[in-house]
Amino acid sequence: MIAMSFAKNCSFCNANIKPGTGTMLVRNDGSILYFCSDKCKKNMLKLKREPRKLKWTNKYVKGGIKIK
């Protein structure tokens, strides 16, 4: 039997999470969230911040989001 582990992406900052690290959170509705660090987990769940507005995330958008 071959055990394969896939690298996941952080639900907040979109960084790659190496196998054996990070945190997986399963909500009551069945959705799964992956976090690379406690910093990302707190920013998303407790502080309710938008990752597109934080420069240290990979989801950051310079100049804001344009709506058509």
N, C-alpha and C. Protein backbone atom coordinates (compact mmCIF):
# COMPACT_ATOMS: atom_id res chain seq x y z
N MET A 1 0.84 -1.18 0.00
CA MET A 1 0.00 0.00 0.00
C MET A 1 0.89 1.24 0.00
N ILE A 2 0.59 2.18 -0.84
CA ILE A 2 1.38 3.40 -0.95
C ILE A 2 0.61 4.54 -0.30
N ALA A 3 1.25 5.16 0.67
CA ALA A 3 0.63 6.30 1.35
C ALA A 3 1.07 7.58 0.66
N MET A 4 0.11 8.32 0.13
CA MET A 4 0.43 9.55 -0.56
C MET A 4 -0.13 10.73 0.23
N SER A 5 0.70 11.72 0.44
CA SER A 5 0.23 12.91 1.12
C SER A 5 0.37 14.09 0.16
N PHE A 6 -0.63 14.90 0.12
CA PHE A 6 -0.65 16.02 -0.78
C PHE A 6 -0.47 17.30 0.00
N ALA A 7 0.29 18.23 -0.56
CA ALA A 7 0.47 19.52 0.08
C ALA A 7 -0.81 20.33 -0.07
N LYS A 8 -1.25 20.91 1.00
CA LYS A 8 -2.46 21.73 0.99
C LYS A 8 -2.08 23.20 0.97
N ASN A 9 -3.02 24.05 0.66
CA ASN A 9 -2.82 25.49 0.72
C ASN A 9 -3.59 26.06 1.89
N CYS A 10 -3.00 27.05 2.53
CA CYS A 10 -3.63 27.71 3.67
C CYS A 10 -4.91 28.40 3.19
N SER A 11 -5.98 28.27 3.96
CA SER A 11 -7.25 28.88 3.60
C SER A 11 -7.21 30.40 3.72
N PHE A 12 -6.26 30.93 4.48
CA PHE A 12 -6.19 32.38 4.68
C PHE A 12 -5.16 33.02 3.76
N CYS A 13 -3.90 32.60 3.85
CA CYS A 13 -2.84 33.29 3.12
C CYS A 13 -2.45 32.60 1.81
N ASN A 14 -2.99 31.42 1.56
CA ASN A 14 -2.75 30.66 0.33
C ASN A 14 -1.32 30.15 0.21
N ALA A 15 -0.59 30.04 1.33
CA ALA A 15 0.76 29.49 1.32
C ALA A 15 0.69 27.96 1.33
N ASN A 16 1.71 27.32 0.77
CA ASN A 16 1.76 25.85 0.78
C ASN A 16 2.02 25.36 2.19
N ILE A 17 1.32 24.29 2.58
CA ILE A 17 1.51 23.67 3.88
C ILE A 17 2.18 22.32 3.65
N LYS A 18 3.33 22.13 4.24
CA LYS A 18 4.05 20.87 4.09
C LYS A 18 3.34 19.77 4.87
N PRO A 19 3.41 18.53 4.40
CA PRO A 19 2.77 17.42 5.12
C PRO A 19 3.32 17.29 6.54
N GLY A 20 2.43 17.09 7.49
CA GLY A 20 2.82 16.95 8.88
C GLY A 20 2.84 18.25 9.66
N THR A 21 2.53 19.36 8.99
CA THR A 21 2.51 20.66 9.66
C THR A 21 1.15 21.30 9.45
N GLY A 22 0.89 22.38 10.16
CA GLY A 22 -0.35 23.12 9.99
C GLY A 22 -1.50 22.54 10.80
N THR A 23 -2.66 23.16 10.62
CA THR A 23 -3.86 22.79 11.36
C THR A 23 -5.02 22.64 10.39
N MET A 24 -5.84 21.60 10.63
CA MET A 24 -7.05 21.40 9.84
C MET A 24 -8.23 21.63 10.76
N LEU A 25 -9.18 22.46 10.32
CA LEU A 25 -10.37 22.76 11.10
C LEU A 25 -11.59 22.33 10.29
N VAL A 26 -12.44 21.55 10.90
CA VAL A 26 -13.68 21.13 10.25
C VAL A 26 -14.83 21.84 10.94
N ARG A 27 -15.57 22.63 10.20
CA ARG A 27 -16.70 23.36 10.75
C ARG A 27 -17.92 22.45 10.87
N ASN A 28 -18.93 22.94 11.58
CA ASN A 28 -20.14 22.15 11.78
C ASN A 28 -20.89 21.88 10.49
N ASP A 29 -20.73 22.75 9.49
CA ASP A 29 -21.41 22.54 8.21
C ASP A 29 -20.64 21.59 7.29
N GLY A 30 -19.48 21.10 7.73
CA GLY A 30 -18.71 20.14 6.95
C GLY A 30 -17.60 20.74 6.13
N SER A 31 -17.48 22.06 6.07
CA SER A 31 -16.40 22.68 5.31
C SER A 31 -15.08 22.52 6.06
N ILE A 32 -14.01 22.32 5.31
CA ILE A 32 -12.69 22.08 5.88
C ILE A 32 -11.80 23.28 5.60
N LEU A 33 -11.14 23.78 6.64
CA LEU A 33 -10.21 24.89 6.53
C LEU A 33 -8.83 24.42 6.95
N TYR A 34 -7.80 24.79 6.18
CA TYR A 34 -6.43 24.45 6.49
C TYR A 34 -5.69 25.75 6.83
N PHE A 35 -4.87 25.71 7.87
CA PHE A 35 -4.09 26.87 8.28
C PHE A 35 -2.63 26.49 8.42
N CYS A 36 -1.74 27.35 7.90
CA CYS A 36 -0.31 27.07 7.99
C CYS A 36 0.25 27.48 9.34
N SER A 37 -0.38 28.44 10.01
CA SER A 37 0.12 28.92 11.30
C SER A 37 -1.04 29.41 12.15
N ASP A 38 -0.75 29.60 13.43
CA ASP A 38 -1.75 30.13 14.34
C ASP A 38 -2.08 31.58 14.00
N LYS A 39 -1.12 32.27 13.40
CA LYS A 39 -1.33 33.66 12.96
C LYS A 39 -2.46 33.73 11.93
N CYS A 40 -2.45 32.83 10.97
CA CYS A 40 -3.50 32.80 9.94
C CYS A 40 -4.84 32.41 10.54
N LYS A 41 -4.82 31.44 11.45
CA LYS A 41 -6.06 30.98 12.08
C LYS A 41 -6.73 32.10 12.86
N LYS A 42 -5.94 32.85 13.65
CA LYS A 42 -6.50 33.94 14.45
C LYS A 42 -7.00 35.08 13.57
N ASN A 43 -6.25 35.41 12.50
CA ASN A 43 -6.67 36.50 11.62
C ASN A 43 -7.98 36.18 10.92
N MET A 44 -8.21 34.93 10.57
CA MET A 44 -9.43 34.58 9.85
C MET A 44 -10.63 34.39 10.78
N LEU A 45 -10.43 33.62 11.85
CA LEU A 45 -11.56 33.24 12.68
C LEU A 45 -11.87 34.23 13.79
N LYS A 46 -10.85 34.70 14.49
CA LYS A 46 -11.08 35.58 15.63
C LYS A 46 -11.18 37.05 15.22
N LEU A 47 -10.23 37.50 14.39
CA LEU A 47 -10.18 38.91 14.01
C LEU A 47 -11.01 39.21 12.77
N LYS A 48 -11.40 38.17 12.03
CA LYS A 48 -12.24 38.29 10.82
C LYS A 48 -11.67 39.29 9.81
N ARG A 49 -10.39 39.14 9.51
CA ARG A 49 -9.72 40.02 8.56
C ARG A 49 -9.82 39.48 7.15
N GLU A 50 -9.71 40.38 6.18
CA GLU A 50 -9.76 40.04 4.77
C GLU A 50 -8.32 39.82 4.28
N PRO A 51 -7.98 38.62 3.78
CA PRO A 51 -6.59 38.36 3.37
C PRO A 51 -6.12 39.20 2.18
N ARG A 52 -7.06 39.73 1.40
CA ARG A 52 -6.67 40.54 0.25
C ARG A 52 -6.17 41.92 0.66
N LYS A 53 -6.39 42.31 1.92
CA LYS A 53 -5.96 43.62 2.39
C LYS A 53 -4.65 43.57 3.19
N LEU A 54 -4.10 42.37 3.41
CA LEU A 54 -2.88 42.22 4.19
C LEU A 54 -1.71 41.90 3.28
N LYS A 55 -0.65 42.69 3.37
CA LYS A 55 0.48 42.56 2.45
C LYS A 55 1.25 41.25 2.62
N TRP A 56 1.21 40.64 3.79
CA TRP A 56 2.01 39.43 4.01
C TRP A 56 1.34 38.17 3.47
N THR A 57 0.13 38.27 2.94
CA THR A 57 -0.54 37.09 2.37
C THR A 57 -0.29 37.03 0.87
N ASN A 58 -0.46 35.83 0.31
CA ASN A 58 -0.32 35.66 -1.14
C ASN A 58 -1.58 36.12 -1.87
N LYS A 59 -2.66 36.36 -1.16
CA LYS A 59 -3.91 36.82 -1.76
C LYS A 59 -4.01 38.34 -1.81
N TYR A 60 -2.94 39.04 -1.40
CA TYR A 60 -2.95 40.51 -1.36
C TYR A 60 -3.12 41.09 -2.76
N VAL A 61 -3.97 42.12 -2.87
CA VAL A 61 -4.21 42.81 -4.12
C VAL A 61 -3.82 44.27 -3.94
N LYS A 62 -2.81 44.72 -4.68
CA LYS A 62 -2.35 46.10 -4.56
C LYS A 62 -3.33 47.04 -5.24
N GLY A 63 -3.71 48.08 -4.56
CA GLY A 63 -4.62 49.08 -5.13
C GLY A 63 -6.09 48.74 -4.99
N GLY A 64 -6.40 47.66 -4.32
CA GLY A 64 -7.80 47.31 -4.10
C GLY A 64 -8.35 46.42 -5.18
N ILE A 65 -9.57 46.04 -5.00
CA ILE A 65 -10.24 45.13 -5.93
C ILE A 65 -11.16 45.94 -6.82
N LYS A 66 -11.04 45.72 -8.11
CA LYS A 66 -11.85 46.46 -9.06
C LYS A 66 -13.14 45.70 -9.34
N ILE A 67 -14.26 46.38 -9.21
CA ILE A 67 -15.57 45.77 -9.46
C ILE A 67 -16.09 46.28 -10.79
N LYS A 68 -16.50 45.35 -11.65
CA LYS A 68 -17.01 45.75 -12.96
C LYS A 68 -18.50 45.89 -12.94
